[in-house]
Protein backbone atom coordinates (compact mmCIF):
# COMPACT_ATOMS: atom_id res chain seq x y z
CA MET A 1 -18.10 -38.57 -44.01
CA LEU A 2 -18.83 -39.44 -40.38
CA SER A 3 -20.23 -42.94 -39.85
CA PHE A 4 -22.79 -43.17 -37.05
CA SER A 5 -21.92 -46.83 -36.43
CA ILE A 6 -18.19 -46.12 -36.16
CA ILE A 7 -18.76 -43.20 -33.80
CA ALA A 8 -21.19 -45.25 -31.68
CA ALA A 9 -18.54 -47.95 -31.15
CA SER A 10 -15.87 -45.55 -29.95
CA PHE A 11 -18.50 -43.59 -27.98
CA LEU A 12 -19.23 -46.79 -26.02
CA VAL A 13 -15.53 -47.51 -25.48
CA TYR A 14 -14.92 -44.00 -24.10
CA ILE A 15 -17.88 -44.30 -21.73
CA LEU A 16 -16.62 -47.62 -20.34
CA VAL A 17 -13.04 -46.41 -19.92
CA THR A 18 -13.98 -43.12 -18.27
CA TRP A 19 -16.37 -44.87 -15.90
CA HIS A 20 -13.88 -47.59 -15.00
CA TYR A 21 -10.89 -45.38 -14.33
CA PHE A 22 -12.23 -42.09 -13.06
CA LEU A 23 -15.94 -42.01 -12.20
CA LYS A 24 -16.78 -45.36 -10.61
CA TYR A 25 -16.02 -44.11 -7.09
CA SER A 26 -16.88 -40.48 -7.71
CA LYS A 27 -19.23 -38.78 -5.25
CA SER A 28 -20.33 -36.20 -7.78
CA PRO A 29 -24.10 -36.21 -8.54
CA PHE A 30 -23.21 -35.38 -12.15
CA ARG A 31 -21.01 -38.44 -12.66
CA TYR A 32 -23.51 -40.15 -14.98
CA ILE A 33 -23.76 -37.06 -17.14
CA LYS A 34 -19.97 -36.88 -17.21
CA VAL A 35 -19.79 -40.48 -18.33
CA LEU A 36 -22.14 -39.78 -21.24
CA PHE A 37 -20.20 -36.64 -22.07
CA ALA A 38 -17.08 -38.78 -22.33
CA GLY A 39 -18.43 -40.16 -25.58
CA PHE A 40 -17.97 -36.77 -27.21
CA PHE A 41 -14.25 -37.28 -26.80
CA SER A 42 -14.58 -40.35 -28.96
CA GLY A 43 -11.33 -41.22 -30.67
CA GLN A 44 -13.21 -41.75 -33.90
CA ILE A 45 -14.80 -38.30 -33.76
CA LEU A 46 -11.43 -36.67 -33.17
CA ILE A 47 -9.75 -38.71 -35.84
CA ARG A 48 -12.46 -38.28 -38.46
CA LEU A 49 -12.89 -34.58 -37.85
CA PHE A 50 -9.17 -34.09 -37.88
CA THR A 51 -8.32 -36.35 -40.82
CA HIS A 52 -11.26 -35.80 -43.11
CA GLY A 53 -11.56 -32.12 -42.22
CA THR A 54 -7.92 -31.65 -43.15
CA ILE A 55 -8.35 -33.50 -46.44
CA LYS A 56 -11.42 -31.44 -47.34
CA ILE A 57 -9.48 -28.24 -46.71
CA VAL A 58 -6.62 -29.47 -48.86
CA GLU A 59 -8.95 -30.63 -51.65
CA SER A 60 -10.90 -27.35 -51.60
CA GLY A 61 -7.83 -25.54 -52.78
CA MET A 62 -7.41 -23.43 -49.66
CA ILE A 63 -4.03 -25.13 -49.26
CA PRO A 64 -2.06 -26.40 -52.25
CA PHE A 65 -2.49 -30.16 -52.44
CA SER A 66 0.96 -31.57 -51.91
CA PRO A 67 2.39 -34.07 -49.41
CA ILE A 68 4.67 -31.44 -47.92
CA ALA A 69 1.91 -28.87 -47.38
CA GLY A 70 -0.54 -31.49 -46.10
CA PHE A 71 1.87 -32.98 -43.58
CA PHE A 72 3.05 -29.58 -42.40
CA TYR A 73 -0.54 -28.51 -41.75
CA LEU A 74 -1.40 -31.80 -40.01
CA THR A 75 1.68 -31.65 -37.81
CA VAL A 76 1.09 -28.11 -36.58
CA LEU A 77 -2.61 -28.71 -35.98
CA ALA A 78 -2.01 -31.99 -34.11
CA MET A 79 0.70 -30.49 -31.90
CA ILE A 80 -1.69 -27.73 -30.81
CA MET A 81 -4.87 -29.78 -30.61
CA ILE A 82 -3.76 -32.81 -28.55
CA PRO A 83 -2.53 -30.96 -25.39
CA LEU A 84 -5.64 -28.74 -25.36
CA VAL A 85 -8.07 -31.65 -25.73
CA VAL A 86 -6.29 -33.62 -22.98
CA LEU A 87 -6.36 -30.60 -20.65
CA PHE A 88 -10.08 -30.11 -21.31
CA TYR A 89 -10.69 -33.83 -20.71
CA GLN A 90 -8.80 -33.64 -17.40
CA LYS A 91 -10.79 -30.64 -16.14
CA ILE A 92 -14.20 -32.00 -17.16
CA TYR A 93 -13.72 -35.28 -15.31
CA GLY A 94 -11.76 -33.92 -12.35
CA ILE A 95 -8.78 -36.14 -13.08
CA ARG A 96 -6.02 -35.44 -10.55
CA THR A 97 -3.01 -35.33 -12.86
CA TYR A 98 -2.55 -34.44 -16.49
CA VAL A 99 -0.64 -37.62 -17.31
CA GLU A 100 -3.60 -39.84 -16.32
CA ALA A 101 -5.90 -38.07 -18.76
CA LEU A 102 -3.14 -38.06 -21.37
CA ILE A 103 -2.63 -41.82 -21.20
CA VAL A 104 -6.34 -42.68 -21.45
CA LEU A 105 -7.26 -40.18 -24.16
CA CYS A 106 -4.15 -40.70 -26.25
CA SER A 107 -4.36 -44.48 -25.92
CA LEU A 108 -7.89 -44.57 -27.34
CA THR A 109 -7.13 -41.96 -29.97
CA THR A 110 -4.05 -43.87 -31.07
CA ILE A 111 -5.95 -47.16 -31.26
CA GLY A 112 -8.75 -45.43 -33.19
CA SER A 113 -6.25 -43.97 -35.62
CA PHE A 114 -4.68 -47.33 -36.39
CA VAL A 115 -8.10 -49.00 -36.58
CA ASP A 116 -9.31 -46.36 -39.02
CA ALA A 117 -6.25 -47.01 -41.19
CA ILE A 118 -6.88 -50.74 -41.12
CA GLY A 119 -10.62 -50.67 -41.68
CA GLY A 120 -10.97 -47.77 -44.06
CA GLU A 121 -14.67 -47.31 -44.86
CA ASP A 122 -15.72 -50.81 -43.79
CA ILE A 123 -18.00 -50.02 -40.86
CA ILE A 124 -18.14 -53.55 -39.47
CA VAL A 125 -14.38 -54.00 -39.59
CA VAL A 126 -13.75 -50.65 -37.89
CA ASN A 127 -16.32 -51.30 -35.13
CA VAL A 128 -15.07 -54.77 -34.36
CA ALA A 129 -11.41 -53.73 -34.53
CA MET A 130 -12.01 -50.71 -32.27
CA LEU A 131 -13.65 -52.85 -29.57
CA ILE A 132 -11.12 -55.69 -29.87
CA PHE A 133 -8.03 -53.50 -29.73
CA SER A 134 -9.44 -51.37 -26.92
CA ALA A 135 -10.15 -54.54 -24.91
CA LEU A 136 -6.66 -55.85 -25.62
CA CYS A 137 -5.15 -52.55 -24.58
CA TYR A 138 -7.15 -52.62 -21.34
CA LEU A 139 -6.22 -56.21 -20.50
CA TYR A 140 -2.56 -55.68 -21.38
CA LYS A 141 -1.82 -52.60 -19.32
CA HIS A 142 -4.71 -51.71 -17.02
CA LYS A 143 -3.07 -53.15 -13.86
CA ASP A 144 0.07 -51.10 -14.47
CA PHE A 145 -1.99 -48.01 -15.21
CA GLU A 146 -4.11 -48.44 -12.09
CA GLN A 147 -0.92 -48.80 -10.05
CA LEU A 148 0.32 -45.57 -11.60
CA ILE A 149 -2.92 -43.83 -10.55
CA ILE A 150 -2.40 -45.13 -7.00
CA ASN A 151 1.22 -43.94 -6.99
CA LEU A 152 0.19 -40.52 -8.24
CA GLY A 153 -2.60 -40.37 -5.66
CA ASN A 154 -0.20 -41.18 -2.79
CA ASP A 155 1.82 -38.02 -3.40
CA ASN A 156 4.85 -40.01 -4.47
CA ASN A 157 7.54 -38.03 -6.21
CA VAL A 158 6.81 -39.51 -9.64
CA ASN A 159 8.54 -38.19 -12.74
CA THR A 160 5.99 -38.69 -15.54
CA MET A 161 7.69 -36.47 -18.10
CA SER A 162 8.94 -39.36 -20.23
CA VAL A 163 5.49 -41.00 -20.34
CA SER A 164 3.81 -37.69 -21.22
CA ILE A 165 6.24 -36.91 -24.02
CA TRP A 166 6.07 -40.43 -25.43
CA MET A 167 2.27 -40.54 -25.42
CA TYR A 168 2.15 -37.11 -27.03
CA VAL A 169 4.56 -38.17 -29.77
CA ILE A 170 2.77 -41.48 -30.41
CA THR A 171 -0.62 -39.82 -30.72
CA ILE A 172 0.58 -37.18 -33.15
CA ALA A 173 2.55 -39.77 -35.13
CA THR A 174 -0.46 -42.08 -35.51
CA LEU A 175 -2.73 -39.21 -36.51
CA LEU A 176 -0.19 -38.20 -39.13
CA TYR A 177 0.18 -41.81 -40.23
CA ASN A 178 -3.57 -42.24 -40.67
CA SER A 179 -4.07 -38.95 -42.50
CA GLY A 180 -0.83 -39.34 -44.43
CA SER A 181 -1.80 -42.77 -45.68
CA PHE A 182 -5.19 -41.41 -46.79
CA ILE A 183 -3.49 -38.58 -48.65
CA TYR A 184 -0.99 -40.96 -50.22
CA ILE A 185 -3.62 -43.40 -51.45
CA SER A 186 -5.86 -40.62 -52.78
CA ALA A 187 -3.00 -39.01 -54.63
CA PHE A 188 -2.13 -42.04 -56.74
CA ARG A 189 -3.91 -43.74 -59.58
CA PRO A 190 -6.45 -46.47 -58.80
CA GLU A 191 -4.13 -49.22 -60.07
CA VAL A 192 -1.68 -48.69 -57.14
CA ARG A 193 -4.38 -48.25 -54.50
CA ASP A 194 -4.63 -51.94 -53.52
CA ARG A 195 -0.88 -52.30 -53.11
CA ALA A 196 -0.76 -49.15 -50.98
CA LEU A 197 -3.60 -50.42 -48.80
CA ILE A 198 -1.71 -53.65 -48.08
CA VAL A 199 1.28 -51.63 -46.88
CA VAL A 200 -0.99 -49.40 -44.77
CA HIS A 201 -2.67 -52.42 -43.12
CA VAL A 202 0.64 -54.14 -42.33
CA CYS A 203 2.16 -50.97 -40.89
CA ALA A 204 -0.96 -50.25 -38.83
CA VAL A 205 -0.93 -53.71 -37.24
CA ALA A 206 2.81 -53.36 -36.50
CA GLY A 207 2.14 -49.90 -35.05
CA ILE A 208 -0.57 -51.20 -32.71
CA CYS A 209 1.73 -53.97 -31.47
CA ALA A 210 4.58 -51.51 -30.91
CA TYR A 211 2.22 -49.12 -29.13
CA PHE A 212 0.93 -51.81 -26.72
CA PHE A 213 4.45 -52.85 -25.79
CA SER A 214 6.03 -49.40 -25.49
CA VAL A 215 3.31 -47.77 -23.39
CA LYS A 216 3.15 -50.70 -20.97
CA GLN A 217 6.92 -50.57 -20.53
CA LEU A 218 6.84 -46.82 -19.94
CA ILE A 219 4.18 -47.09 -17.26
CA LYS A 220 5.96 -50.05 -15.65
CA GLY A 221 9.18 -48.03 -15.68
CA VAL A 222 7.54 -45.19 -13.76
CA ASN A 223 5.96 -47.60 -11.28
CA THR A 224 9.27 -49.40 -10.80
CA SER A 225 10.93 -46.06 -10.07
CA VAL A 226 8.27 -45.34 -7.44
CA GLU A 227 8.63 -48.82 -5.93
CA ASN A 228 12.43 -48.40 -5.79
CA ASP A 229 12.01 -45.06 -4.03
CA GLN A 230 9.57 -46.64 -1.58
CA LEU A 231 11.95 -49.56 -1.03
CA ASN A 232 14.88 -47.22 -0.42
CA LYS A 233 12.78 -45.22 2.02
CA ALA A 234 11.68 -48.40 3.79
CA ILE A 235 15.30 -49.57 4.01
CA HIS A 236 16.32 -46.15 5.34
CA ASP A 237 13.54 -46.23 7.94
CA ALA A 238 14.42 -49.80 8.89
CA ASP A 239 18.10 -48.88 9.23
CA LYS A 240 17.14 -45.91 11.37
CA MET A 241 14.96 -48.09 13.59
CA LEU A 242 17.75 -50.68 13.79
CA LEU A 243 20.29 -48.05 14.78
CA ASN A 244 17.92 -46.60 17.37
CA GLY A 245 17.27 -50.08 18.73
CA LYS A 246 20.98 -50.85 18.74
CA GLN A 247 21.72 -47.61 20.58
CA LYS A 248 19.08 -48.42 23.19
CA MET A 249 20.61 -51.86 23.61
CA LEU A 250 24.08 -50.36 23.99
CA ASP A 251 22.78 -47.86 26.52
CA SER A 252 21.17 -50.69 28.45
CA GLN A 253 24.36 -52.75 28.41
CA GLU A 254 26.39 -49.77 29.61
CA SER A 255 23.98 -49.21 32.48
CA VAL A 256 24.30 -52.86 33.53
CA ILE A 257 28.09 -52.67 33.34
CA ALA A 258 28.21 -49.47 35.39
CA ALA A 259 26.00 -51.13 38.02
CA PHE A 260 28.25 -54.22 38.14
CA ALA A 261 31.32 -52.03 38.47
CA GLU A 262 29.86 -50.22 41.47
CA ILE A 263 28.87 -53.52 43.11
CA LEU A 264 32.38 -54.84 42.54
CA GLU A 265 33.91 -51.70 43.95
CA ASN A 266 31.86 -51.99 47.14
CA LYS A 267 32.59 -55.72 47.53
CA SER A 268 36.28 -55.82 46.72
CA GLY A 269 37.34 -52.59 48.32
CA GLU A 270 39.25 -51.88 45.12
CA SER A 271 38.78 -48.31 44.08
CA GLY A 272 36.47 -47.15 41.37
CA GLY A 273 39.43 -45.14 40.14
CA HIS A 274 41.07 -48.38 39.02
CA VAL A 275 38.04 -49.34 36.94
CA LYS A 276 37.87 -45.91 35.35
CA ARG A 277 41.60 -45.64 34.62
CA VAL A 278 41.67 -49.11 33.04
CA ALA A 279 38.78 -48.05 30.82
CA LEU A 280 40.56 -44.85 29.76
CA TYR A 281 43.87 -46.66 29.22
CA SER A 282 42.07 -49.27 27.12
CA GLU A 283 40.49 -46.50 25.07
CA ILE A 284 43.90 -44.96 24.35
CA LEU A 285 45.38 -48.31 23.30
CA ALA A 286 42.41 -49.15 21.05
CA ARG A 287 42.72 -45.78 19.30
CA LYS A 288 46.46 -46.17 18.81
CA LEU A 289 45.79 -49.56 17.25
CA GLY A 290 43.61 -47.78 14.67
CA LEU A 291 40.32 -49.45 15.60
CA PRO A 292 37.04 -47.82 14.48
CA ASP A 293 35.36 -45.46 16.94
CA ASP A 294 32.51 -47.84 17.72
CA GLU A 295 34.94 -50.66 18.58
CA VAL A 296 37.00 -48.29 20.71
CA HIS A 297 33.89 -47.34 22.64
CA ILE A 298 32.85 -50.98 23.13
CA ILE A 299 36.28 -51.96 24.48
CA LYS A 300 36.36 -48.94 26.76
CA ILE A 301 33.00 -49.78 28.36
CA ALA A 302 33.51 -53.57 28.36
CA SER A 303 36.86 -53.20 30.15
CA MET A 304 34.95 -52.14 33.28
CA MET A 305 33.88 -55.78 33.64
CA HIS A 306 37.37 -57.25 33.61
CA ASP A 307 37.21 -58.25 37.29
CA VAL A 308 33.46 -58.93 37.50
CA GLY A 309 34.17 -62.51 38.59
CA LYS A 310 35.54 -61.22 41.90
CA ILE A 311 31.92 -60.80 42.98
CA LEU A 312 31.92 -64.59 43.59
CA VAL A 313 35.30 -64.71 45.32
CA PRO A 314 34.97 -65.13 49.13
CA ASN A 315 35.17 -61.85 51.06
CA GLU A 316 37.94 -63.08 53.35
CA ILE A 317 40.19 -63.44 50.34
CA LEU A 318 39.23 -60.15 48.71
CA GLU A 319 39.57 -58.22 51.98
CA LYS A 320 42.86 -59.78 53.09
CA LYS A 321 45.48 -57.12 53.82
CA GLY A 322 48.62 -59.18 53.39
CA ARG A 323 49.96 -61.44 50.67
CA PHE A 324 47.98 -64.48 49.56
CA THR A 325 48.87 -68.04 50.37
CA TYR A 326 49.14 -70.48 47.46
CA GLU A 327 45.60 -71.72 48.05
CA GLU A 328 44.26 -68.17 48.29
CA ARG A 329 46.04 -67.21 45.10
CA GLU A 330 44.56 -70.18 43.27
CA ALA A 331 41.12 -69.27 44.60
CA MET A 332 41.62 -65.69 43.40
CA LYS A 333 42.57 -66.94 39.93
CA LEU A 334 39.13 -68.48 39.65
CA HIS A 335 37.63 -64.99 39.28
CA VAL A 336 38.23 -65.25 35.52
CA ALA A 337 36.14 -68.44 35.38
CA TYR A 338 33.46 -66.79 37.50
CA GLY A 339 33.44 -63.78 35.15
CA ASP A 340 33.05 -66.12 32.18
CA LYS A 341 30.13 -67.86 33.88
CA ILE A 342 28.41 -64.61 34.93
CA LEU A 343 28.51 -63.25 31.39
CA SER A 344 27.95 -66.53 29.53
CA ASN A 345 24.31 -65.78 28.68
CA ALA A 346 24.68 -62.02 28.22
CA GLN A 347 23.54 -60.59 24.87
CA GLY A 348 24.96 -57.72 22.85
CA GLU A 349 28.30 -56.54 21.47
CA ILE A 350 29.49 -54.90 24.66
CA MET A 351 28.59 -57.91 26.80
CA PHE A 352 30.30 -60.27 24.34
CA ALA A 353 33.49 -58.19 24.53
CA ALA A 354 33.14 -57.97 28.32
CA ARG A 355 32.97 -61.77 28.58
CA ASN A 356 36.16 -62.17 26.51
CA ILE A 357 37.92 -59.61 28.67
CA ALA A 358 36.74 -61.13 31.96
CA LYS A 359 37.99 -64.63 31.13
CA GLU A 360 41.15 -63.77 29.14
CA HIS A 361 42.74 -60.64 30.62
CA HIS A 362 45.19 -62.72 32.71
CA GLU A 363 46.33 -64.82 29.74
CA ARG A 364 49.87 -64.20 28.48
CA TRP A 365 51.22 -63.82 24.95
CA ASP A 366 53.63 -66.73 25.58
CA GLY A 367 50.84 -69.00 26.83
CA LYS A 368 51.95 -69.03 30.49
CA GLY A 369 48.99 -67.10 31.86
CA TYR A 370 45.82 -68.35 33.47
CA LEU A 371 43.20 -69.78 33.48
CA TYR A 372 43.04 -71.41 30.04
CA GLY A 373 46.64 -71.22 28.81
CA LEU A 374 45.79 -69.24 25.67
CA SER A 375 48.63 -67.71 23.66
CA LYS A 376 49.18 -65.05 21.01
CA ASN A 377 46.08 -64.35 18.89
CA GLU A 378 44.11 -67.09 20.62
CA ILE A 379 43.57 -64.27 23.09
CA SER A 380 40.94 -61.81 21.90
CA LEU A 381 42.22 -58.35 20.97
CA GLU A 382 40.09 -56.68 23.61
CA ALA A 383 41.63 -58.92 26.29
CA GLN A 384 45.15 -58.19 24.98
CA ILE A 385 44.43 -54.48 25.33
CA VAL A 386 42.90 -54.66 28.81
CA SER A 387 45.75 -56.88 30.02
CA VAL A 388 48.26 -54.07 29.41
CA ALA A 389 45.93 -51.41 30.85
CA ASP A 390 45.17 -53.49 33.96
CA VAL A 391 48.79 -54.34 34.74
CA PHE A 392 49.99 -50.76 34.21
CA ASP A 393 47.37 -49.41 36.61
CA ALA A 394 48.12 -52.14 39.15
CA LEU A 395 51.82 -51.23 39.02
CA THR A 396 51.25 -47.50 39.44
CA SER A 397 48.63 -47.86 42.21
CA LYS A 398 49.22 -48.43 45.94
CA ARG A 399 47.86 -51.67 47.34
CA CYS A 400 47.74 -53.01 50.88
CA TYR A 401 50.51 -55.43 50.00
CA LYS A 402 52.73 -53.03 47.98
CA ASP A 403 53.60 -49.43 47.29
CA ALA A 404 52.92 -47.74 43.93
CA TRP A 405 55.72 -48.01 41.38
CA ASP A 406 57.01 -44.87 39.75
CA VAL A 407 55.78 -44.23 36.24
CA ASN A 408 59.13 -44.87 34.51
CA SER A 409 59.62 -48.24 36.19
CA SER A 410 56.07 -49.20 35.29
CA TYR A 411 56.68 -48.15 31.67
CA LYS A 412 59.81 -50.31 31.53
CA GLU A 413 57.95 -53.30 33.00
CA ILE A 414 55.32 -53.14 30.27
CA VAL A 415 57.85 -52.66 27.46
CA ASP A 416 60.03 -55.50 28.75
CA GLY A 417 56.96 -57.77 28.71
CA SER A 418 56.48 -57.39 24.94
CA GLY A 419 56.37 -60.79 23.27
CA THR A 420 56.25 -62.66 26.58
CA GLN A 421 53.49 -61.35 28.82
CA PHE A 422 51.95 -58.87 26.38
CA SER A 423 51.12 -58.57 22.69
CA PRO A 424 53.95 -56.76 20.88
CA GLU A 425 51.42 -54.81 18.85
CA VAL A 426 49.60 -53.59 21.95
CA VAL A 427 52.92 -52.68 23.62
CA ASN A 428 53.78 -50.55 20.57
CA ALA A 429 50.42 -48.81 20.98
CA PHE A 430 51.30 -48.32 24.67
CA LYS A 431 54.57 -46.62 23.70
CA GLN A 432 52.74 -44.29 21.29
CA GLY A 433 50.11 -43.38 23.86
CA PHE A 434 52.30 -43.19 26.96
CA ASP A 435 52.04 -39.42 27.24
CA GLU A 436 48.26 -39.77 27.27
CA PHE A 437 48.54 -42.45 29.97
CA LYS A 438 50.36 -39.94 32.18
CA ILE A 439 47.57 -37.39 31.63
CA VAL A 440 44.97 -39.97 32.71
CA MET A 441 47.05 -40.66 35.86
CA ARG A 442 47.24 -36.95 36.60
CA ASP A 443 43.54 -36.27 36.07
CA ASN A 444 42.30 -39.39 37.88
CA PRO A 445 44.32 -39.74 41.08
CA GLU A 446 43.72 -42.50 43.59
CA SER A 447 42.33 -39.99 46.07
CA ALA A 448 39.27 -39.42 43.85
CA ALA A 449 38.71 -43.11 43.35
CA ASN A 450 35.67 -43.59 45.54
CA ASP A 451 33.49 -41.11 43.66
CA THR A 452 31.01 -43.55 42.09
CA VAL A 453 29.56 -40.75 39.96
CA LEU A 454 32.68 -41.13 37.83
CA LEU A 455 31.47 -44.60 36.84
CA LYS A 456 28.11 -43.31 35.71
CA VAL A 457 29.58 -40.70 33.41
CA LEU A 458 32.33 -42.96 32.08
CA ARG A 459 30.72 -43.43 28.68
CA ASN A 460 31.01 -39.67 28.00
CA ASN A 461 34.53 -39.27 29.37
CA LYS A 462 37.17 -39.05 26.66
CA ALA A 463 40.85 -39.58 27.23
CA SER A 464 42.63 -36.50 26.02
């Protein structure tokens, strides 16, 4: 028998829920009619029609009255009915995704099923319980559910299969529980009815508690998955922006270095070929030392600044054709301090390496170099590398005060300096890359040294 009071309570609950979740911001002129129509999907109507209709069919003799037959019939009917009702509910109210309609409809149907089992035929108990448990359900999970609606509306790649299956299973299970308990109680003698009802009430309360917890956790799990995807995307985008910014910074630093190198070339009269060859030699040594590609590139470009301090050395010293006096030599040594000062406030990885190279490339492994008397690994690796490259090119190049050494004598000078003037590890790299050094010498002769275009394309020039 359908109770008007029971149906009215769930009718009201369905109207409130449908209005709150789906129709409050609707532009449809029929939204008020749709809200009223929501009451016809009342959980109590569905439950009572389903449960009591099934029992009437069983009691009429159309189906043999037995627990097995009754549960088989209920199971098949519920499995067919629930997806169709949810789909109809979704279409009527224009709900965007099936899972939204499924959660709302199945939540209220499940609550109604448990409430019906608890209250039985007591109209007041059923009405009060329906409103209380619906309110508790709303308060407990509505924020998570609303976040799910937002996530679904933002075209996020949300996998709602687990929620859909779980809600489907819970709804069918509670319908079967409610109808099954009714069948069980009706099938036994009156003297066991009270004891059976106690068990039904306890299990129904436990079921409601389990339902509240499980559904909230499922929805939170889906939202967490979406948030993790969004976080990963944000991290990816941030990394991409960082890399782009870093590349722009590197490009800017390289442009500044190329400009300094050209200024130095014009001031010192020292060929641009020297700057380029030192850069290519440094690249070979860095690769033979097994450094990562990005570090190799940094050292290659930064090496172009090794003599940047000469910009501040007086022209009469830089342009002198003969050998230096003691005082002139000491003044020339100050170019490492000038280079350190020029680059002291420079920012970026390349500029940091360039500063180390400018102030340390005349230091010696044994500590007898200048200007700071550094030794061994007190000298930065980039300066150790450029020291070998710079000396080798100076030996093999003609200067106003000396002729160029032959390549074999220059090789021997570098090797003999291992452990005294140069880092033994870098000298070993020099030995391994010596054939490549000779190729750089061949492809970059002194006669082509004044072509400043070579400096501009240095960053793209690979030693072969």
